[in-house]
Amino acid sequence: MAYQSIGLGTTEGDGTGDTLRLGGDKVNDNFVEIYTLLGTGSALTSGISATSSVVTLAGPSITGVASFADGSVSAPSITNTGDTNTGIYFGAADTVNVTTGGTKRIDIDSSGLSVTGTVVATTAFVPDAQDGAALGTSSLQFSDLFLADSAAMFFGDDNEVALTHVHNTGLLLNAAMVLQFRDAAINIGSPADGDLDINADDEIELNSTLVDVNGAVDISGATHIDGVLTQGVEGDLHGGGVIMDASDGSSTDAGDEILLNGTDGSSTNENEKLILEYATQFTTAVLQIKNSDGIVISSLYGTSGF
């Protein structure tokens, strides 16, 4: 129903205005419409109250556009009673800001969401889809990452690679996973419990003043030593055969020599000795000492000398 105006006539008592009854009917109709819009038809329930500067709406439902002033960081345009420096304001075009205590906390604009201060999560931060978001960018990196005791980092769509914190010990790479460098041929990993593999398709270089190896050593390739090879305790050098060759690889082998020194390293070199021992099954000369003149000194098993 549209608003009904009471006709008052052109001049007082000219008889052109509404009768008293008709005027009263319009008044009743107008009030019924107001009470219907703001209440139950017979009672007001909207909660509207007003002072000289504030209109209070208790639980309003707004179906159209509500416009607000821009406001500022210290005086937001949407706020609550008694805390006027906390709320929402509009600091620039196409921008919504949130302030608390007069300090800007959130910016929402065409570039996204910017938060000032600590962000607290009670469950998890998740992307909008699988592999759908990155943490940081190639030009905007985070500074530090803090993880709790026993925290784990999982990699892969099926989480097949896990890196787990071991309290007061270090980091644990799961199962037979490996750390790769440059390509798949260069890696460090554990193929089985108790085993550690260091793999490279060219060279593994150890640089230190001392490399201490405790345990048996199995060398299947050529071994090159630049420096002194010292045996700390008595041991055996054995195998299918041992060849000691001082040759430099040239056709003349000029100046080649093998020095066997039995010194014990003391100042007096007491009890210096060099023991060349051969097995009993040899029946021909097993030790030959030759000089440049072709003189051969041979030792045969079972003889008392040369």
C-alpha atoms as a PDB file:
ATOM      1  CA  MET A   1       0.000   0.000   0.000  1.00  0.00           C
ATOM      2  CA  ALA A   2       1.328   3.433  -0.930  1.00  0.00           C
ATOM      3  CA  TYR A   3       1.519   6.337   1.488  1.00  0.00           C
ATOM      4  CA  GLN A   4      -1.847   8.198   1.765  1.00  0.00           C
ATOM      5  CA  SER A   5      -1.785  11.953   2.313  1.00  0.00           C
ATOM      6  CA  ILE A   6      -4.707  13.631   4.112  1.00  0.00           C
ATOM      7  CA  GLY A   7      -6.373  16.294   1.947  1.00  0.00           C
ATOM      8  CA  LEU A   8      -6.550  19.617   3.834  1.00  0.00           C
ATOM      9  CA  GLY A   9      -8.267  21.729   1.125  1.00  0.00           C
ATOM     10  CA  THR A  10      -7.006  24.858  -0.549  1.00  0.00           C
ATOM     11  CA  THR A  11      -7.995  27.273   2.208  1.00  0.00           C
ATOM     12  CA  GLU A  12      -9.383  26.817   5.634  1.00  0.00           C
ATOM     13  CA  GLY A  13     -13.055  25.788   5.561  1.00  0.00           C
ATOM     14  CA  ASP A  14     -13.362  25.763   1.785  1.00  0.00           C
ATOM     15  CA  GLY A  15     -14.963  22.322   1.920  1.00  0.00           C
ATOM     16  CA  THR A  16     -12.435  20.704  -0.423  1.00  0.00           C
ATOM     17  CA  GLY A  17     -10.391  18.795   2.169  1.00  0.00           C
ATOM     18  CA  ASP A  18     -10.929  15.247   3.410  1.00  0.00           C
ATOM     19  CA  THR A  19     -13.638  14.664   5.929  1.00  0.00           C
ATOM     20  CA  LEU A  20     -12.557  13.867   9.462  1.00  0.00           C
ATOM     21  CA  ARG A  21     -13.444  10.239   8.949  1.00  0.00           C
ATOM     22  CA  LEU A  22     -11.557   9.917   5.677  1.00  0.00           C
ATOM     23  CA  GLY A  23      -8.526  11.628   7.169  1.00  0.00           C
ATOM     24  CA  GLY A  24      -8.602   9.273  10.161  1.00  0.00           C
ATOM     25  CA  ASP A  25      -8.860   6.271   7.831  1.00  0.00           C
ATOM     26  CA  LYS A  26      -5.732   7.351   5.959  1.00  0.00           C
ATOM     27  CA  VAL A  27      -3.899   7.808   9.238  1.00  0.00           C
ATOM     28  CA  ASN A  28      -4.874   4.287  10.334  1.00  0.00           C
ATOM     29  CA  ASP A  29      -3.828   2.758   7.008  1.00  0.00           C
ATOM     30  CA  ASN A  30      -0.446   4.471   7.098  1.00  0.00           C
ATOM     31  CA  PHE A  31       0.241   3.256  10.641  1.00  0.00           C
ATOM     32  CA  VAL A  32      -0.847  -0.279   9.797  1.00  0.00           C
ATOM     33  CA  GLU A  33       1.661  -0.360   6.956  1.00  0.00           C
ATOM     34  CA  ILE A  34       4.432   0.974   9.208  1.00  0.00           C
ATOM     35  CA  TYR A  35       3.623  -1.561  11.912  1.00  0.00           C
ATOM     36  CA  THR A  36       3.554  -4.348   9.340  1.00  0.00           C
ATOM     37  CA  LEU A  37       6.958  -3.415   7.914  1.00  0.00           C
ATOM     38  CA  LEU A  38       8.586  -2.827  11.320  1.00  0.00           C
ATOM     39  CA  GLY A  39       6.750  -5.344  13.414  1.00  0.00           C
ATOM     40  CA  THR A  40       3.895  -7.807  13.493  1.00  0.00           C
ATOM     41  CA  GLY A  41       1.179  -5.527  12.154  1.00  0.00           C
ATOM     42  CA  SER A  42       0.073  -4.589  15.622  1.00  0.00           C
ATOM     43  CA  ALA A  43       3.427  -4.204  17.436  1.00  0.00           C
ATOM     44  CA  LEU A  44       6.846  -2.780  16.508  1.00  0.00           C
ATOM     45  CA  THR A  45       9.615  -5.427  16.712  1.00  0.00           C
ATOM     46  CA  SER A  46      12.464  -3.961  14.631  1.00  0.00           C
ATOM     47  CA  GLY A  47      14.349  -2.662  17.643  1.00  0.00           C
ATOM     48  CA  ILE A  48      14.782   0.793  16.148  1.00  0.00           C
ATOM     49  CA  SER A  49      15.785   3.430  18.650  1.00  0.00           C
ATOM     50  CA  ALA A  50      17.395   6.800  18.143  1.00  0.00           C
ATOM     51  CA  THR A  51      19.311   9.520  19.917  1.00  0.00           C
ATOM     52  CA  SER A  52      20.503  12.814  18.523  1.00  0.00           C
ATOM     53  CA  SER A  53      23.309  11.152  16.564  1.00  0.00           C
ATOM     54  CA  VAL A  54      22.836   7.359  16.664  1.00  0.00           C
ATOM     55  CA  VAL A  55      20.132   5.111  15.232  1.00  0.00           C
ATOM     56  CA  THR A  56      20.232   1.598  16.707  1.00  0.00           C
ATOM     57  CA  LEU A  57      18.849  -1.385  14.796  1.00  0.00           C
ATOM     58  CA  ALA A  58      18.443  -4.617  16.736  1.00  0.00           C
ATOM     59  CA  GLY A  59      18.936  -7.563  14.346  1.00  0.00           C
ATOM     60  CA  PRO A  60      18.195  -5.774  11.042  1.00  0.00           C
ATOM     61  CA  SER A  61      17.923  -7.588   7.713  1.00  0.00           C
ATOM     62  CA  ILE A  62      19.261  -5.475   4.844  1.00  0.00           C
ATOM     63  CA  THR A  63      18.322  -6.643   1.362  1.00  0.00           C
ATOM     64  CA  GLY A  64      19.815  -3.700  -0.506  1.00  0.00           C
ATOM     65  CA  VAL A  65      23.160  -1.902  -0.501  1.00  0.00           C
ATOM     66  CA  ALA A  66      24.417  -0.341   2.737  1.00  0.00           C
ATOM     67  CA  SER A  67      27.002   2.373   2.095  1.00  0.00           C
ATOM     68  CA  PHE A  68      29.565   3.545   4.616  1.00  0.00           C
ATOM     69  CA  ALA A  69      32.172   6.274   4.732  1.00  0.00           C
ATOM     70  CA  ASP A  70      35.809   5.321   4.067  1.00  0.00           C
ATOM     71  CA  GLY A  71      36.939   5.629   7.661  1.00  0.00           C
ATOM     72  CA  SER A  72      40.580   5.353   8.707  1.00  0.00           C
ATOM     73  CA  VAL A  73      42.946   3.085  10.569  1.00  0.00           C
ATOM     74  CA  SER A  74      42.272   4.902  13.835  1.00  0.00           C
ATOM     75  CA  ALA A  75      38.574   5.549  13.185  1.00  0.00           C
ATOM     76  CA  PRO A  76      37.090   2.745  11.067  1.00  0.00           C
ATOM     77  CA  SER A  77      33.671   3.338   9.531  1.00  0.00           C
ATOM     78  CA  ILE A  78      32.273  -0.012  10.705  1.00  0.00           C
ATOM     79  CA  THR A  79      32.975  -0.451  14.387  1.00  0.00           C
ATOM     80  CA  ASN A  80      31.329  -1.302  17.684  1.00  0.00           C
ATOM     81  CA  THR A  81      30.145   0.841  20.542  1.00  0.00           C
ATOM     82  CA  GLY A  82      32.863   1.800  23.008  1.00  0.00           C
ATOM     83  CA  ASP A  83      35.807   0.587  20.859  1.00  0.00           C
ATOM     84  CA  THR A  84      35.927   3.002  17.985  1.00  0.00           C
ATOM     85  CA  ASN A  85      39.531   2.263  16.856  1.00  0.00           C
ATOM     86  CA  THR A  86      38.741  -1.368  16.013  1.00  0.00           C
ATOM     87  CA  GLY A  87      36.747  -2.408  12.956  1.00  0.00           C
ATOM     88  CA  ILE A  88      36.599  -2.228   9.161  1.00  0.00           C
ATOM     89  CA  TYR A  89      37.520   0.707   6.959  1.00  0.00           C
ATOM     90  CA  PHE A  90      38.252   1.397   3.291  1.00  0.00           C
ATOM     91  CA  GLY A  91      41.768   2.790   2.962  1.00  0.00           C
ATOM     92  CA  ALA A  92      41.809   3.008  -0.856  1.00  0.00           C
ATOM     93  CA  ALA A  93      39.753   2.156  -3.903  1.00  0.00           C
ATOM     94  CA  ASP A  94      38.968  -1.581  -4.194  1.00  0.00           C
ATOM     95  CA  THR A  95      40.487  -2.181  -0.784  1.00  0.00           C
ATOM     96  CA  VAL A  96      39.058  -3.433   2.500  1.00  0.00           C
ATOM     97  CA  ASN A  97      41.103  -3.061   5.693  1.00  0.00           C
ATOM     98  CA  VAL A  98      40.756  -4.388   9.215  1.00  0.00           C
ATOM     99  CA  THR A  99      42.202  -2.498  12.166  1.00  0.00           C
ATOM    100  CA  THR A 100      42.533  -3.411  15.841  1.00  0.00           C
ATOM    101  CA  GLY A 101      43.541  -0.862  18.441  1.00  0.00           C
ATOM    102  CA  GLY A 102      44.266   1.658  15.720  1.00  0.00           C
ATOM    103  CA  THR A 103      46.779  -0.661  13.974  1.00  0.00           C
ATOM    104  CA  LYS A 104      46.143  -2.088  10.521  1.00  0.00           C
ATOM    105  CA  ARG A 105      46.076  -5.883  10.576  1.00  0.00           C
ATOM    106  CA  ILE A 106      44.567  -7.025   7.263  1.00  0.00           C
ATOM    107  CA  ASP A 107      44.601  -5.671   3.705  1.00  0.00           C
ATOM    108  CA  ILE A 108      42.370  -7.218   1.061  1.00  0.00           C
ATOM    109  CA  ASP A 109      42.798  -5.857  -2.455  1.00  0.00           C
ATOM    110  CA  SER A 110      43.219  -7.011  -6.047  1.00  0.00           C
ATOM    111  CA  SER A 111      46.594  -8.624  -5.244  1.00  0.00           C
ATOM    112  CA  GLY A 112      45.190 -10.799  -2.463  1.00  0.00           C
ATOM    113  CA  LEU A 113      45.322 -10.921   1.328  1.00  0.00           C
ATOM    114  CA  SER A 114      48.050  -9.319   3.442  1.00  0.00           C
ATOM    115  CA  VAL A 115      48.217  -9.933   7.186  1.00  0.00           C
ATOM    116  CA  THR A 116      50.309  -7.931   9.654  1.00  0.00           C
ATOM    117  CA  GLY A 117      51.207  -9.875  12.797  1.00  0.00           C
ATOM    118  CA  THR A 118      51.072 -13.534  13.816  1.00  0.00           C
ATOM    119  CA  VAL A 119      48.608 -15.852  12.103  1.00  0.00           C
ATOM    120  CA  VAL A 120      47.340 -18.588  14.425  1.00  0.00           C
ATOM    121  CA  ALA A 121      45.971 -21.824  12.952  1.00  0.00           C
ATOM    122  CA  THR A 122      44.188 -24.423  15.051  1.00  0.00           C
ATOM    123  CA  THR A 123      44.093 -27.153  12.369  1.00  0.00           C
ATOM    124  CA  ALA A 124      45.907 -26.693   9.043  1.00  0.00           C
ATOM    125  CA  PHE A 125      46.618 -24.351   6.152  1.00  0.00           C
ATOM    126  CA  VAL A 126      45.540 -26.022   2.935  1.00  0.00           C
ATOM    127  CA  PRO A 127      45.616 -25.059  -0.771  1.00  0.00           C
ATOM    128  CA  ASP A 128      42.420 -24.875  -2.796  1.00  0.00           C
ATOM    129  CA  ALA A 129      43.401 -28.046  -4.701  1.00  0.00           C
ATOM    130  CA  GLN A 130      46.085 -30.742  -4.817  1.00  0.00           C
ATOM    131  CA  ASP A 131      49.385 -29.082  -5.801  1.00  0.00           C
ATOM    132  CA  GLY A 132      47.385 -25.863  -6.022  1.00  0.00           C
ATOM    133  CA  ALA A 133      49.510 -23.338  -4.111  1.00  0.00           C
ATOM    134  CA  ALA A 134      53.092 -22.529  -3.184  1.00  0.00           C
ATOM    135  CA  LEU A 135      54.568 -21.320   0.094  1.00  0.00           C
ATOM    136  CA  GLY A 136      56.410 -18.160  -0.920  1.00  0.00           C
ATOM    137  CA  THR A 137      57.661 -17.355  -4.423  1.00  0.00           C
ATOM    138  CA  SER A 138      60.985 -17.239  -6.275  1.00  0.00           C
ATOM    139  CA  SER A 139      61.348 -13.585  -5.260  1.00  0.00           C
ATOM    140  CA  LEU A 140      59.431 -13.510  -1.959  1.00  0.00           C
ATOM    141  CA  GLN A 141      60.928 -16.121   0.370  1.00  0.00           C
ATOM    142  CA  PHE A 142      60.118 -16.792   4.001  1.00  0.00           C
ATOM    143  CA  SER A 143      62.914 -16.370   6.549  1.00  0.00           C
ATOM    144  CA  ASP A 144      62.764 -19.162   9.149  1.00  0.00           C
ATOM    145  CA  LEU A 145      60.760 -22.351   9.620  1.00  0.00           C
ATOM    146  CA  PHE A 146      60.235 -23.684  13.149  1.00  0.00           C
ATOM    147  CA  LEU A 147      58.983 -27.246  13.668  1.00  0.00           C
ATOM    148  CA  ALA A 148      58.195 -29.066  16.914  1.00  0.00           C
ATOM    149  CA  ASP A 149      59.756 -32.272  18.285  1.00  0.00           C
ATOM    150  CA  SER A 150      59.136 -35.294  16.040  1.00  0.00           C
ATOM    151  CA  ALA A 151      57.720 -33.082  13.283  1.00  0.00           C
ATOM    152  CA  ALA A 152      57.774 -34.615   9.813  1.00  0.00           C
ATOM    153  CA  MET A 153      57.881 -33.230   6.284  1.00  0.00           C
ATOM    154  CA  PHE A 154      56.297 -35.359   3.573  1.00  0.00           C
ATOM    155  CA  PHE A 155      57.017 -35.135  -0.148  1.00  0.00           C
ATOM    156  CA  GLY A 156      55.098 -36.529  -3.113  1.00  0.00           C
ATOM    157  CA  ASP A 157      51.401 -36.958  -3.886  1.00  0.00           C
ATOM    158  CA  ASP A 158      51.392 -40.217  -1.912  1.00  0.00           C
ATOM    159  CA  ASN A 159      53.834 -38.953   0.781  1.00  0.00           C
ATOM    160  CA  GLU A 160      56.410 -41.604  -0.154  1.00  0.00           C
ATOM    161  CA  VAL A 161      59.397 -39.550   1.056  1.00  0.00           C
ATOM    162  CA  ALA A 162      59.424 -38.403   4.681  1.00  0.00           C
ATOM    163  CA  LEU A 163      61.973 -36.338   6.602  1.00  0.00           C
ATOM    164  CA  THR A 164      61.348 -36.641  10.355  1.00  0.00           C
ATOM    165  CA  HIS A 165      62.886 -34.846  13.334  1.00  0.00           C
ATOM    166  CA  VAL A 166      64.446 -37.204  15.898  1.00  0.00           C
ATOM    167  CA  HIS A 167      64.523 -35.446  19.273  1.00  0.00           C
ATOM    168  CA  ASN A 168      68.025 -34.305  20.278  1.00  0.00           C
ATOM    169  CA  THR A 169      69.534 -36.479  17.521  1.00  0.00           C
ATOM    170  CA  GLY A 170      68.951 -35.244  14.001  1.00  0.00           C
ATOM    171  CA  LEU A 171      66.824 -35.857  10.916  1.00  0.00           C
ATOM    172  CA  LEU A 172      65.598 -39.253   9.698  1.00  0.00           C
ATOM    173  CA  LEU A 173      65.057 -40.077   6.024  1.00  0.00           C
ATOM    174  CA  ASN A 174      62.572 -42.895   5.720  1.00  0.00           C
ATOM    175  CA  ALA A 175      63.202 -46.431   4.435  1.00  0.00           C
ATOM    176  CA  ALA A 176      65.521 -46.701   1.404  1.00  0.00           C
ATOM    177  CA  MET A 177      65.036 -43.115   0.249  1.00  0.00           C
ATOM    178  CA  VAL A 178      68.204 -41.248  -0.791  1.00  0.00           C
ATOM    179  CA  LEU A 179      69.559 -37.724  -0.889  1.00  0.00           C
ATOM    180  CA  GLN A 180      70.517 -36.924  -4.471  1.00  0.00           C
ATOM    181  CA  PHE A 181      73.049 -34.376  -5.719  1.00  0.00           C
ATOM    182  CA  ARG A 182      72.910 -33.108  -9.327  1.00  0.00           C
ATOM    183  CA  ASP A 183      71.419 -36.350 -10.694  1.00  0.00           C
ATOM    184  CA  ALA A 184      70.267 -39.828  -9.689  1.00  0.00           C
ATOM    185  CA  ALA A 185      73.782 -41.321  -9.985  1.00  0.00           C
ATOM    186  CA  ILE A 186      75.132 -39.226  -7.092  1.00  0.00           C
ATOM    187  CA  ASN A 187      73.376 -40.019  -3.830  1.00  0.00           C
ATOM    188  CA  ILE A 188      73.597 -41.079  -0.194  1.00  0.00           C
ATOM    189  CA  GLY A 189      71.168 -43.637   1.161  1.00  0.00           C
ATOM    190  CA  SER A 190      70.576 -46.813   3.147  1.00  0.00           C
ATOM    191  CA  PRO A 191      69.548 -49.750   0.925  1.00  0.00           C
ATOM    192  CA  ALA A 192      69.098 -52.042   3.950  1.00  0.00           C
ATOM    193  CA  ASP A 193      69.174 -51.858   7.726  1.00  0.00           C
ATOM    194  CA  GLY A 194      72.809 -51.518   8.832  1.00  0.00           C
ATOM    195  CA  ASP A 195      74.085 -50.407   5.430  1.00  0.00           C
ATOM    196  CA  LEU A 196      75.037 -46.939   4.171  1.00  0.00           C
ATOM    197  CA  ASP A 197      75.832 -46.302   0.513  1.00  0.00           C
ATOM    198  CA  ILE A 198      77.666 -43.287  -0.899  1.00  0.00           C
ATOM    199  CA  ASN A 199      77.389 -43.451  -4.675  1.00  0.00           C
ATOM    200  CA  ALA A 200      78.992 -41.369  -7.419  1.00  0.00           C
ATOM    201  CA  ASP A 201      79.588 -42.120 -11.090  1.00  0.00           C
ATOM    202  CA  ASP A 202      82.973 -40.334 -11.171  1.00  0.00           C
ATOM    203  CA  GLU A 203      84.704 -39.493  -7.883  1.00  0.00           C
ATOM    204  CA  ILE A 204      84.200 -39.390  -4.110  1.00  0.00           C
ATOM    205  CA  GLU A 205      86.683 -37.022  -2.473  1.00  0.00           C
ATOM    206  CA  LEU A 206      87.416 -36.902   1.278  1.00  0.00           C
ATOM    207  CA  ASN A 207      89.462 -33.919   2.465  1.00  0.00           C
ATOM    208  CA  SER A 208      90.776 -33.920   6.028  1.00  0.00           C
ATOM    209  CA  THR A 209      94.012 -34.122   8.004  1.00  0.00           C
ATOM    210  CA  LEU A 210      92.876 -37.575   9.177  1.00  0.00           C
ATOM    211  CA  VAL A 211      90.373 -40.092   7.847  1.00  0.00           C
ATOM    212  CA  ASP A 212      89.718 -42.829  10.432  1.00  0.00           C
ATOM    213  CA  VAL A 213      88.201 -46.054   9.086  1.00  0.00           C
ATOM    214  CA  ASN A 214      87.225 -48.661  11.684  1.00  0.00           C
ATOM    215  CA  GLY A 215      86.403 -52.034  10.208  1.00  0.00           C
ATOM    216  CA  ALA A 216      87.311 -54.255   7.304  1.00  0.00           C
ATOM    217  CA  VAL A 217      87.914 -52.485   4.002  1.00  0.00           C
ATOM    218  CA  ASP A 218      87.025 -54.107   0.681  1.00  0.00           C
ATOM    219  CA  ILE A 219      88.625 -52.388  -2.324  1.00  0.00           C
ATOM    220  CA  SER A 220      87.621 -53.854  -5.672  1.00  0.00           C
ATOM    221  CA  GLY A 221      89.335 -51.291  -7.896  1.00  0.00           C
ATOM    222  CA  ALA A 222      92.809 -49.888  -8.386  1.00  0.00           C
ATOM    223  CA  THR A 223      94.274 -48.124  -5.338  1.00  0.00           C
ATOM    224  CA  HIS A 224      96.641 -45.162  -5.632  1.00  0.00           C
ATOM    225  CA  ILE A 225      98.475 -43.817  -2.550  1.00  0.00           C
ATOM    226  CA  ASP A 226     100.438 -40.564  -2.520  1.00  0.00           C
ATOM    227  CA  GLY A 227     102.247 -40.604   0.819  1.00  0.00           C
ATOM    228  CA  VAL A 228     103.420 -43.072   3.460  1.00  0.00           C
ATOM    229  CA  LEU A 229     101.538 -46.326   4.026  1.00  0.00           C
ATOM    230  CA  THR A 230     102.121 -47.246   7.683  1.00  0.00           C
ATOM    231  CA  GLN A 231     100.983 -50.427   9.424  1.00  0.00           C
ATOM    232  CA  GLY A 232     100.131 -49.752  13.051  1.00  0.00           C
ATOM    233  CA  VAL A 233     100.098 -53.344  14.331  1.00  0.00           C
ATOM    234  CA  GLU A 234     101.353 -56.633  12.945  1.00  0.00           C
ATOM    235  CA  GLY A 235      99.199 -57.841  10.096  1.00  0.00           C
ATOM    236  CA  ASP A 236      99.190 -59.882   6.948  1.00  0.00           C
ATOM    237  CA  LEU A 237      99.330 -58.917   3.305  1.00  0.00           C
ATOM    238  CA  HIS A 238      98.126 -61.977   1.484  1.00  0.00           C
ATOM    239  CA  GLY A 239      96.160 -63.188  -1.444  1.00  0.00           C
ATOM    240  CA  GLY A 240      96.558 -65.172  -4.634  1.00  0.00           C
ATOM    241  CA  GLY A 241      99.838 -63.349  -5.152  1.00  0.00           C
ATOM    242  CA  VAL A 242     101.430 -60.040  -4.268  1.00  0.00           C
ATOM    243  CA  ILE A 243     103.369 -58.110  -6.899  1.00  0.00           C
ATOM    244  CA  MET A 244     105.498 -55.133  -5.857  1.00  0.00           C
ATOM    245  CA  ASP A 245     106.499 -53.218  -8.991  1.00  0.00           C
ATOM    246  CA  ALA A 246     108.438 -49.960  -8.872  1.00  0.00           C
ATOM    247  CA  SER A 247     108.173 -49.536 -12.630  1.00  0.00           C
ATOM    248  CA  ASP A 248     107.194 -46.124 -13.897  1.00  0.00           C
ATOM    249  CA  GLY A 249     105.608 -47.708 -16.938  1.00  0.00           C
ATOM    250  CA  SER A 250     108.370 -46.686 -19.346  1.00  0.00           C
ATOM    251  CA  SER A 251     110.396 -49.087 -21.494  1.00  0.00           C
ATOM    252  CA  THR A 252     113.614 -48.469 -19.550  1.00  0.00           C
ATOM    253  CA  ASP A 253     112.239 -48.156 -15.989  1.00  0.00           C
ATOM    254  CA  ALA A 254     115.260 -45.978 -15.216  1.00  0.00           C
ATOM    255  CA  GLY A 255     115.861 -45.351 -11.551  1.00  0.00           C
ATOM    256  CA  ASP A 256     113.072 -47.685 -10.394  1.00  0.00           C
ATOM    257  CA  GLU A 257     113.484 -49.195  -6.975  1.00  0.00           C
ATOM    258  CA  ILE A 258     111.614 -50.940  -4.177  1.00  0.00           C
ATOM    259  CA  LEU A 259     112.919 -50.241  -0.664  1.00  0.00           C
ATOM    260  CA  LEU A 260     112.105 -52.779   2.034  1.00  0.00           C
ATOM    261  CA  ASN A 261     113.070 -51.355   5.422  1.00  0.00           C
ATOM    262  CA  GLY A 262     112.635 -53.362   8.600  1.00  0.00           C
ATOM    263  CA  THR A 263     113.399 -50.552  11.042  1.00  0.00           C
ATOM    264  CA  ASP A 264     111.279 -50.323  14.161  1.00  0.00           C
ATOM    265  CA  GLY A 265     111.403 -46.512  14.129  1.00  0.00           C
ATOM    266  CA  SER A 266     113.439 -46.155  17.371  1.00  0.00           C
ATOM    267  CA  SER A 267     116.557 -44.008  17.699  1.00  0.00           C
ATOM    268  CA  THR A 268     118.821 -47.050  17.790  1.00  0.00           C
ATOM    269  CA  ASN A 269     116.778 -49.153  15.333  1.00  0.00           C
ATOM    270  CA  GLU A 270     117.361 -52.153  17.546  1.00  0.00           C
ATOM    271  CA  ASN A 271     116.466 -55.535  16.196  1.00  0.00           C
ATOM    272  CA  GLU A 272     115.963 -54.285  12.675  1.00  0.00           C
ATOM    273  CA  LYS A 273     114.765 -57.118  10.546  1.00  0.00           C
ATOM    274  CA  LEU A 274     112.955 -57.901   7.359  1.00  0.00           C
ATOM    275  CA  ILE A 275     111.231 -61.256   7.237  1.00  0.00           C
ATOM    276  CA  LEU A 276     110.444 -62.734   3.818  1.00  0.00           C
ATOM    277  CA  GLU A 277     108.508 -65.934   4.451  1.00  0.00           C
ATOM    278  CA  TYR A 278     107.259 -68.433   1.903  1.00  0.00           C
ATOM    279  CA  ALA A 279     105.024 -71.430   2.051  1.00  0.00           C
ATOM    280  CA  THR A 280     106.352 -75.006   2.315  1.00  0.00           C
ATOM    281  CA  GLN A 281     104.829 -76.205  -0.929  1.00  0.00           C
ATOM    282  CA  PHE A 282     107.365 -74.374  -3.095  1.00  0.00           C
ATOM    283  CA  THR A 283     110.166 -76.624  -4.410  1.00  0.00           C
ATOM    284  CA  THR A 284     111.906 -74.114  -6.641  1.00  0.00           C
ATOM    285  CA  ALA A 285     113.516 -70.829  -5.800  1.00  0.00           C
ATOM    286  CA  VAL A 286     110.962 -68.624  -4.129  1.00  0.00           C
ATOM    287  CA  LEU A 287     113.231 -65.708  -3.289  1.00  0.00           C
ATOM    288  CA  GLN A 288     115.599 -64.312  -5.858  1.00  0.00           C
ATOM    289  CA  ILE A 289     117.793 -61.238  -5.410  1.00  0.00           C
ATOM    290  CA  LYS A 290     119.295 -59.985  -8.675  1.00  0.00           C
ATOM    291  CA  ASN A 291     121.820 -57.246  -9.357  1.00  0.00           C
ATOM    292  CA  SER A 292     122.659 -55.331 -12.522  1.00  0.00           C
ATOM    293  CA  ASP A 293     125.431 -57.749 -13.418  1.00  0.00           C
ATOM    294  CA  GLY A 294     123.007 -60.631 -13.661  1.00  0.00           C
ATOM    295  CA  ILE A 295     124.042 -62.227 -10.362  1.00  0.00           C
ATOM    296  CA  VAL A 296     121.135 -64.163  -8.864  1.00  0.00           C
ATOM    297  CA  ILE A 297     120.902 -65.155  -5.225  1.00  0.00           C
ATOM    298  CA  SER A 298     118.166 -67.726  -4.767  1.00  0.00           C
ATOM    299  CA  SER A 299     116.705 -69.315  -1.680  1.00  0.00           C
ATOM    300  CA  LEU A 300     115.100 -72.751  -1.817  1.00  0.00           C
ATOM    301  CA  TYR A 301     112.709 -74.121   0.704  1.00  0.00           C
ATOM    302  CA  GLY A 302     114.416 -76.436   3.159  1.00  0.00           C
ATOM    303  CA  THR A 303     117.935 -75.049   2.661  1.00  0.00           C
ATOM    304  CA  SER A 304     119.888 -73.308   5.365  1.00  0.00           C
ATOM    305  CA  GLY A 305     120.822 -70.308   3.291  1.00  0.00           C
ATOM    306  CA  PHE A 306     121.208 -68.921  -0.187  1.00  0.00           C
END
